[in-house]
Amino acid sequence: MKGIHPSIASHRLNVFSTARPVRQRIRRFHPDRQRVIRNEIDKLLEAGFIREVSYPDWLANVVVFSLTRIDQIVDSTSGQGMLSFLDAFSGYHQIPMSSDDEEKTAFITHRPLLL
């Protein structure tokens, strides 16, 4: 994956050494939401931002939330003197997760386990 080399910067999850791993049970979603989750996971897998894993100690559920509608964003820029267009999808993933903390990012869906 392109981006900043891990020797320069990486995300860290500073968890107390006494913390015990958490394994959540799979959450049920409406079929419409399952479809959205599946599509997003497919995009992230294809881009190489996530991968399948086996037997993680840490396991969390997916949290689904709606993003602001694009028409609202465009309307809010009316009258502004300067606009910036960033690639938020790729930009968000430019700094890699520290390999020591990757297992803490595992999540569960109706597909294999991912991180």
N, C-alpha and C. Protein backbone atom coordinates (compact mmCIF):
# COMPACT_ATOMS: atom_id res chain seq x y z
N MET A 1 0.85 -1.18 0.00
CA MET A 1 0.00 0.00 0.00
C MET A 1 0.89 1.24 0.00
N LYS A 2 0.54 2.19 -0.84
CA LYS A 2 1.28 3.44 -0.87
C LYS A 2 0.95 4.26 0.36
N GLY A 3 1.79 5.21 0.63
CA GLY A 3 1.55 6.08 1.78
C GLY A 3 2.84 6.32 2.53
N ILE A 4 2.71 6.72 3.75
CA ILE A 4 3.87 7.02 4.59
C ILE A 4 4.50 5.72 5.06
N HIS A 5 5.80 5.61 4.97
CA HIS A 5 6.49 4.40 5.41
C HIS A 5 6.36 4.26 6.93
N PRO A 6 6.10 3.04 7.44
CA PRO A 6 5.93 2.84 8.88
C PRO A 6 7.10 3.30 9.74
N SER A 7 8.31 3.38 9.16
CA SER A 7 9.45 3.85 9.95
C SER A 7 9.35 5.35 10.23
N ILE A 8 8.53 6.06 9.46
CA ILE A 8 8.34 7.50 9.66
C ILE A 8 7.19 7.77 10.62
N ALA A 9 6.05 7.10 10.38
CA ALA A 9 4.88 7.30 11.24
C ALA A 9 3.95 6.11 11.12
N SER A 10 3.28 5.77 12.21
CA SER A 10 2.25 4.73 12.20
C SER A 10 1.28 5.00 13.34
N HIS A 11 0.03 4.56 13.12
CA HIS A 11 -0.98 4.69 14.17
C HIS A 11 -0.67 3.69 15.27
N ARG A 12 -0.85 4.10 16.51
CA ARG A 12 -0.66 3.21 17.66
C ARG A 12 -1.93 3.24 18.49
N LEU A 13 -2.29 2.12 19.07
CA LEU A 13 -3.41 2.03 20.00
C LEU A 13 -2.81 1.79 21.38
N ASN A 14 -2.74 2.84 22.15
CA ASN A 14 -2.13 2.75 23.48
C ASN A 14 -3.13 2.17 24.47
N VAL A 15 -3.07 0.87 24.62
CA VAL A 15 -3.97 0.14 25.51
C VAL A 15 -3.17 -0.26 26.74
N PHE A 16 -3.79 -0.11 27.91
CA PHE A 16 -3.12 -0.51 29.14
C PHE A 16 -2.68 -1.97 29.05
N SER A 17 -1.50 -2.26 29.53
CA SER A 17 -0.98 -3.63 29.47
C SER A 17 -1.83 -4.59 30.29
N THR A 18 -2.61 -4.07 31.23
CA THR A 18 -3.48 -4.91 32.05
C THR A 18 -4.84 -5.15 31.39
N ALA A 19 -5.11 -4.49 30.26
CA ALA A 19 -6.40 -4.66 29.57
C ALA A 19 -6.50 -6.06 28.99
N ARG A 20 -7.68 -6.64 29.13
CA ARG A 20 -7.92 -7.97 28.58
C ARG A 20 -8.56 -7.83 27.21
N PRO A 21 -8.18 -8.67 26.25
CA PRO A 21 -8.78 -8.60 24.92
C PRO A 21 -10.30 -8.74 24.98
N VAL A 22 -10.98 -8.02 24.09
CA VAL A 22 -12.44 -8.04 24.02
C VAL A 22 -12.85 -8.76 22.74
N ARG A 23 -13.79 -9.68 22.87
CA ARG A 23 -14.34 -10.38 21.71
C ARG A 23 -15.85 -10.21 21.72
N GLN A 24 -16.35 -9.36 20.84
CA GLN A 24 -17.79 -9.15 20.76
C GLN A 24 -18.42 -10.22 19.88
N ARG A 25 -19.69 -10.52 20.17
CA ARG A 25 -20.44 -11.43 19.31
C ARG A 25 -20.93 -10.66 18.09
N ILE A 26 -21.19 -11.39 17.02
CA ILE A 26 -21.63 -10.73 15.79
C ILE A 26 -22.98 -10.05 16.00
N ARG A 27 -23.12 -8.87 15.44
CA ARG A 27 -24.35 -8.07 15.54
C ARG A 27 -25.18 -8.31 14.28
N ARG A 28 -26.50 -8.32 14.45
CA ARG A 28 -27.39 -8.49 13.30
C ARG A 28 -27.71 -7.13 12.70
N PHE A 29 -27.79 -7.10 11.36
CA PHE A 29 -28.12 -5.88 10.64
C PHE A 29 -29.25 -6.16 9.65
N HIS A 30 -30.03 -5.14 9.36
CA HIS A 30 -31.06 -5.21 8.33
C HIS A 30 -30.36 -5.57 7.01
N PRO A 31 -31.02 -6.34 6.12
CA PRO A 31 -30.39 -6.71 4.85
C PRO A 31 -29.84 -5.53 4.04
N ASP A 32 -30.52 -4.38 4.09
CA ASP A 32 -30.01 -3.20 3.38
C ASP A 32 -28.66 -2.76 3.94
N ARG A 33 -28.54 -2.78 5.25
CA ARG A 33 -27.27 -2.39 5.88
C ARG A 33 -26.20 -3.45 5.63
N GLN A 34 -26.60 -4.72 5.63
CA GLN A 34 -25.64 -5.78 5.33
C GLN A 34 -25.04 -5.59 3.93
N ARG A 35 -25.87 -5.18 2.99
CA ARG A 35 -25.41 -4.93 1.62
C ARG A 35 -24.40 -3.78 1.59
N VAL A 36 -24.70 -2.70 2.32
CA VAL A 36 -23.78 -1.55 2.40
C VAL A 36 -22.45 -1.98 3.02
N ILE A 37 -22.52 -2.74 4.11
CA ILE A 37 -21.31 -3.23 4.78
C ILE A 37 -20.50 -4.10 3.83
N ARG A 38 -21.17 -5.02 3.15
CA ARG A 38 -20.49 -5.92 2.22
C ARG A 38 -19.78 -5.13 1.10
N ASN A 39 -20.47 -4.13 0.54
CA ASN A 39 -19.87 -3.31 -0.52
C ASN A 39 -18.65 -2.55 -0.02
N GLU A 40 -18.75 -1.99 1.18
CA GLU A 40 -17.63 -1.22 1.74
C GLU A 40 -16.44 -2.14 2.02
N ILE A 41 -16.71 -3.32 2.56
CA ILE A 41 -15.64 -4.29 2.83
C ILE A 41 -14.97 -4.72 1.53
N ASP A 42 -15.76 -4.95 0.48
CA ASP A 42 -15.18 -5.32 -0.81
C ASP A 42 -14.23 -4.24 -1.32
N LYS A 43 -14.64 -2.96 -1.19
CA LYS A 43 -13.78 -1.85 -1.63
C LYS A 43 -12.48 -1.81 -0.83
N LEU A 44 -12.58 -1.98 0.49
CA LEU A 44 -11.40 -1.92 1.35
C LEU A 44 -10.46 -3.10 1.11
N LEU A 45 -11.03 -4.29 0.88
CA LEU A 45 -10.21 -5.47 0.56
C LEU A 45 -9.48 -5.26 -0.76
N GLU A 46 -10.21 -4.79 -1.77
CA GLU A 46 -9.61 -4.58 -3.09
C GLU A 46 -8.49 -3.54 -3.04
N ALA A 47 -8.67 -2.51 -2.22
CA ALA A 47 -7.65 -1.46 -2.09
C ALA A 47 -6.47 -1.91 -1.23
N GLY A 48 -6.61 -3.03 -0.52
CA GLY A 48 -5.53 -3.51 0.33
C GLY A 48 -5.46 -2.84 1.69
N PHE A 49 -6.55 -2.16 2.09
CA PHE A 49 -6.57 -1.46 3.38
C PHE A 49 -6.93 -2.39 4.53
N ILE A 50 -7.61 -3.52 4.22
CA ILE A 50 -7.92 -4.52 5.24
C ILE A 50 -7.59 -5.89 4.66
N ARG A 51 -7.55 -6.90 5.52
CA ARG A 51 -7.30 -8.27 5.07
C ARG A 51 -8.01 -9.24 6.00
N GLU A 52 -8.20 -10.47 5.52
CA GLU A 52 -8.82 -11.51 6.34
C GLU A 52 -7.80 -12.04 7.34
N VAL A 53 -8.29 -12.39 8.54
CA VAL A 53 -7.43 -12.94 9.58
C VAL A 53 -8.11 -14.15 10.23
N SER A 54 -7.34 -14.93 10.97
CA SER A 54 -7.88 -16.08 11.70
C SER A 54 -7.57 -15.95 13.17
N TYR A 55 -8.54 -16.23 13.99
CA TYR A 55 -8.37 -16.33 15.44
C TYR A 55 -7.76 -15.10 16.12
N PRO A 56 -8.32 -13.92 15.91
CA PRO A 56 -7.78 -12.75 16.62
C PRO A 56 -8.20 -12.78 18.09
N ASP A 57 -7.39 -12.19 18.95
CA ASP A 57 -7.75 -12.08 20.37
C ASP A 57 -8.74 -10.94 20.58
N TRP A 58 -8.60 -9.88 19.80
CA TRP A 58 -9.48 -8.72 19.89
C TRP A 58 -10.48 -8.81 18.74
N LEU A 59 -11.75 -8.53 19.01
CA LEU A 59 -12.76 -8.64 17.97
C LEU A 59 -13.92 -7.69 18.25
N ALA A 60 -14.19 -6.78 17.33
CA ALA A 60 -15.24 -5.78 17.51
C ALA A 60 -16.25 -5.88 16.38
N ASN A 61 -17.43 -5.32 16.61
CA ASN A 61 -18.47 -5.25 15.59
C ASN A 61 -18.27 -4.04 14.70
N VAL A 62 -18.88 -4.09 13.55
CA VAL A 62 -18.92 -2.96 12.63
C VAL A 62 -19.90 -1.94 13.19
N VAL A 63 -19.59 -0.66 13.05
CA VAL A 63 -20.50 0.41 13.45
C VAL A 63 -20.90 1.13 12.17
N VAL A 64 -22.20 1.12 11.87
CA VAL A 64 -22.71 1.73 10.64
C VAL A 64 -23.27 3.10 10.96
N PHE A 65 -22.86 4.11 10.17
CA PHE A 65 -23.44 5.44 10.31
C PHE A 65 -23.43 6.12 8.95
N SER A 66 -24.38 7.01 8.75
CA SER A 66 -24.50 7.71 7.47
C SER A 66 -23.57 8.91 7.43
N LEU A 67 -22.99 9.13 6.28
CA LEU A 67 -22.17 10.32 6.07
C LEU A 67 -23.06 11.43 5.53
N THR A 68 -22.62 12.66 5.67
CA THR A 68 -23.37 13.79 5.16
C THR A 68 -23.58 13.63 3.66
N ARG A 69 -24.74 14.00 3.20
CA ARG A 69 -25.03 13.90 1.77
C ARG A 69 -24.20 14.90 1.00
N ILE A 70 -23.74 14.49 -0.18
CA ILE A 70 -22.86 15.33 -0.98
C ILE A 70 -23.52 16.65 -1.37
N ASP A 71 -24.83 16.65 -1.61
CA ASP A 71 -25.49 17.90 -2.00
C ASP A 71 -25.46 18.90 -0.85
N GLN A 72 -25.52 18.43 0.38
CA GLN A 72 -25.42 19.33 1.53
C GLN A 72 -24.01 19.92 1.64
N ILE A 73 -23.02 19.11 1.35
CA ILE A 73 -21.64 19.58 1.39
C ILE A 73 -21.41 20.64 0.32
N VAL A 74 -21.88 20.36 -0.90
CA VAL A 74 -21.70 21.32 -2.00
C VAL A 74 -22.41 22.63 -1.67
N ASP A 75 -23.64 22.55 -1.17
CA ASP A 75 -24.39 23.76 -0.82
C ASP A 75 -23.67 24.57 0.25
N SER A 76 -23.02 23.90 1.17
CA SER A 76 -22.35 24.61 2.27
C SER A 76 -21.11 25.38 1.80
N THR A 77 -20.62 25.08 0.61
CA THR A 77 -19.44 25.79 0.09
C THR A 77 -19.80 27.07 -0.65
N SER A 78 -21.08 27.31 -0.84
CA SER A 78 -21.52 28.50 -1.57
C SER A 78 -20.98 29.77 -0.91
N GLY A 79 -20.37 30.63 -1.73
CA GLY A 79 -19.87 31.91 -1.24
C GLY A 79 -18.48 31.85 -0.63
N GLN A 80 -17.87 30.68 -0.58
CA GLN A 80 -16.52 30.56 -0.02
C GLN A 80 -15.48 30.99 -1.04
N GLY A 81 -14.44 31.64 -0.60
CA GLY A 81 -13.40 32.14 -1.49
C GLY A 81 -12.44 31.08 -1.98
N MET A 82 -12.28 29.99 -1.22
CA MET A 82 -11.31 28.97 -1.59
C MET A 82 -11.87 27.60 -1.21
N LEU A 83 -11.67 26.63 -2.08
CA LEU A 83 -12.11 25.26 -1.82
C LEU A 83 -10.91 24.33 -1.97
N SER A 84 -10.92 23.24 -1.21
CA SER A 84 -9.86 22.24 -1.30
C SER A 84 -10.51 20.89 -1.58
N PHE A 85 -9.97 20.15 -2.51
CA PHE A 85 -10.51 18.85 -2.85
C PHE A 85 -9.47 17.79 -2.51
N LEU A 86 -9.73 17.02 -1.48
CA LEU A 86 -8.81 15.98 -1.03
C LEU A 86 -9.41 14.62 -1.32
N ASP A 87 -8.58 13.65 -1.54
CA ASP A 87 -9.03 12.28 -1.71
C ASP A 87 -9.14 11.66 -0.32
N ALA A 88 -10.31 11.80 0.29
CA ALA A 88 -10.48 11.36 1.67
C ALA A 88 -10.34 9.84 1.81
N PHE A 89 -10.78 9.08 0.81
CA PHE A 89 -10.69 7.62 0.90
C PHE A 89 -9.24 7.19 1.03
N SER A 90 -8.41 7.64 0.12
CA SER A 90 -7.00 7.26 0.16
C SER A 90 -6.25 8.03 1.24
N GLY A 91 -6.60 9.28 1.43
CA GLY A 91 -5.91 10.12 2.42
C GLY A 91 -6.04 9.58 3.82
N TYR A 92 -7.20 9.03 4.14
CA TYR A 92 -7.44 8.48 5.47
C TYR A 92 -6.51 7.31 5.76
N HIS A 93 -6.13 6.60 4.72
CA HIS A 93 -5.34 5.38 4.87
C HIS A 93 -3.86 5.57 4.58
N GLN A 94 -3.37 6.80 4.55
CA GLN A 94 -1.97 7.05 4.23
C GLN A 94 -1.02 6.65 5.36
N ILE A 95 -1.46 6.74 6.60
CA ILE A 95 -0.61 6.37 7.74
C ILE A 95 -1.00 4.96 8.18
N PRO A 96 -0.09 4.00 8.09
CA PRO A 96 -0.43 2.62 8.42
C PRO A 96 -0.58 2.39 9.93
N MET A 97 -1.28 1.32 10.27
CA MET A 97 -1.42 0.90 11.66
C MET A 97 -0.13 0.17 12.05
N SER A 98 0.35 0.42 13.23
CA SER A 98 1.53 -0.28 13.74
C SER A 98 1.26 -1.78 13.74
N SER A 99 2.21 -2.57 13.28
CA SER A 99 2.00 -4.03 13.24
C SER A 99 1.76 -4.60 14.64
N ASP A 100 2.29 -3.95 15.68
CA ASP A 100 2.06 -4.40 17.05
C ASP A 100 0.60 -4.25 17.47
N ASP A 101 -0.13 -3.33 16.83
CA ASP A 101 -1.50 -3.03 17.24
C ASP A 101 -2.55 -3.49 16.24
N GLU A 102 -2.15 -4.08 15.12
CA GLU A 102 -3.11 -4.49 14.10
C GLU A 102 -4.18 -5.42 14.64
N GLU A 103 -3.80 -6.37 15.49
CA GLU A 103 -4.77 -7.35 15.98
C GLU A 103 -5.91 -6.68 16.75
N LYS A 104 -5.68 -5.51 17.31
CA LYS A 104 -6.71 -4.80 18.07
C LYS A 104 -7.75 -4.15 17.17
N THR A 105 -7.51 -4.17 15.86
CA THR A 105 -8.45 -3.54 14.93
C THR A 105 -9.35 -4.56 14.23
N ALA A 106 -9.28 -5.84 14.60
CA ALA A 106 -10.08 -6.87 13.95
C ALA A 106 -11.56 -6.62 14.19
N PHE A 107 -12.36 -6.90 13.15
CA PHE A 107 -13.81 -6.75 13.29
C PHE A 107 -14.52 -7.92 12.65
N ILE A 108 -15.76 -8.13 13.07
CA ILE A 108 -16.53 -9.28 12.63
C ILE A 108 -17.74 -8.83 11.83
N THR A 109 -18.00 -9.57 10.74
CA THR A 109 -19.20 -9.39 9.93
C THR A 109 -19.68 -10.79 9.57
N HIS A 110 -20.59 -10.90 8.63
CA HIS A 110 -21.05 -12.22 8.20
C HIS A 110 -20.05 -12.87 7.24
N ARG A 111 -18.93 -12.21 7.03
CA ARG A 111 -17.83 -12.74 6.22
C ARG A 111 -16.74 -13.22 7.17
N PRO A 112 -15.61 -13.70 6.63
CA PRO A 112 -14.50 -14.06 7.51
C PRO A 112 -14.03 -12.85 8.32
N LEU A 113 -13.28 -13.10 9.37
CA LEU A 113 -12.78 -12.02 10.23
C LEU A 113 -11.80 -11.14 9.47
N LEU A 114 -11.85 -9.84 9.76
CA LEU A 114 -11.05 -8.87 9.01
C LEU A 114 -10.30 -7.94 9.93
N LEU A 115 -9.22 -7.36 9.43
CA LEU A 115 -8.54 -6.25 10.12
C LEU A 115 -7.86 -5.38 9.11
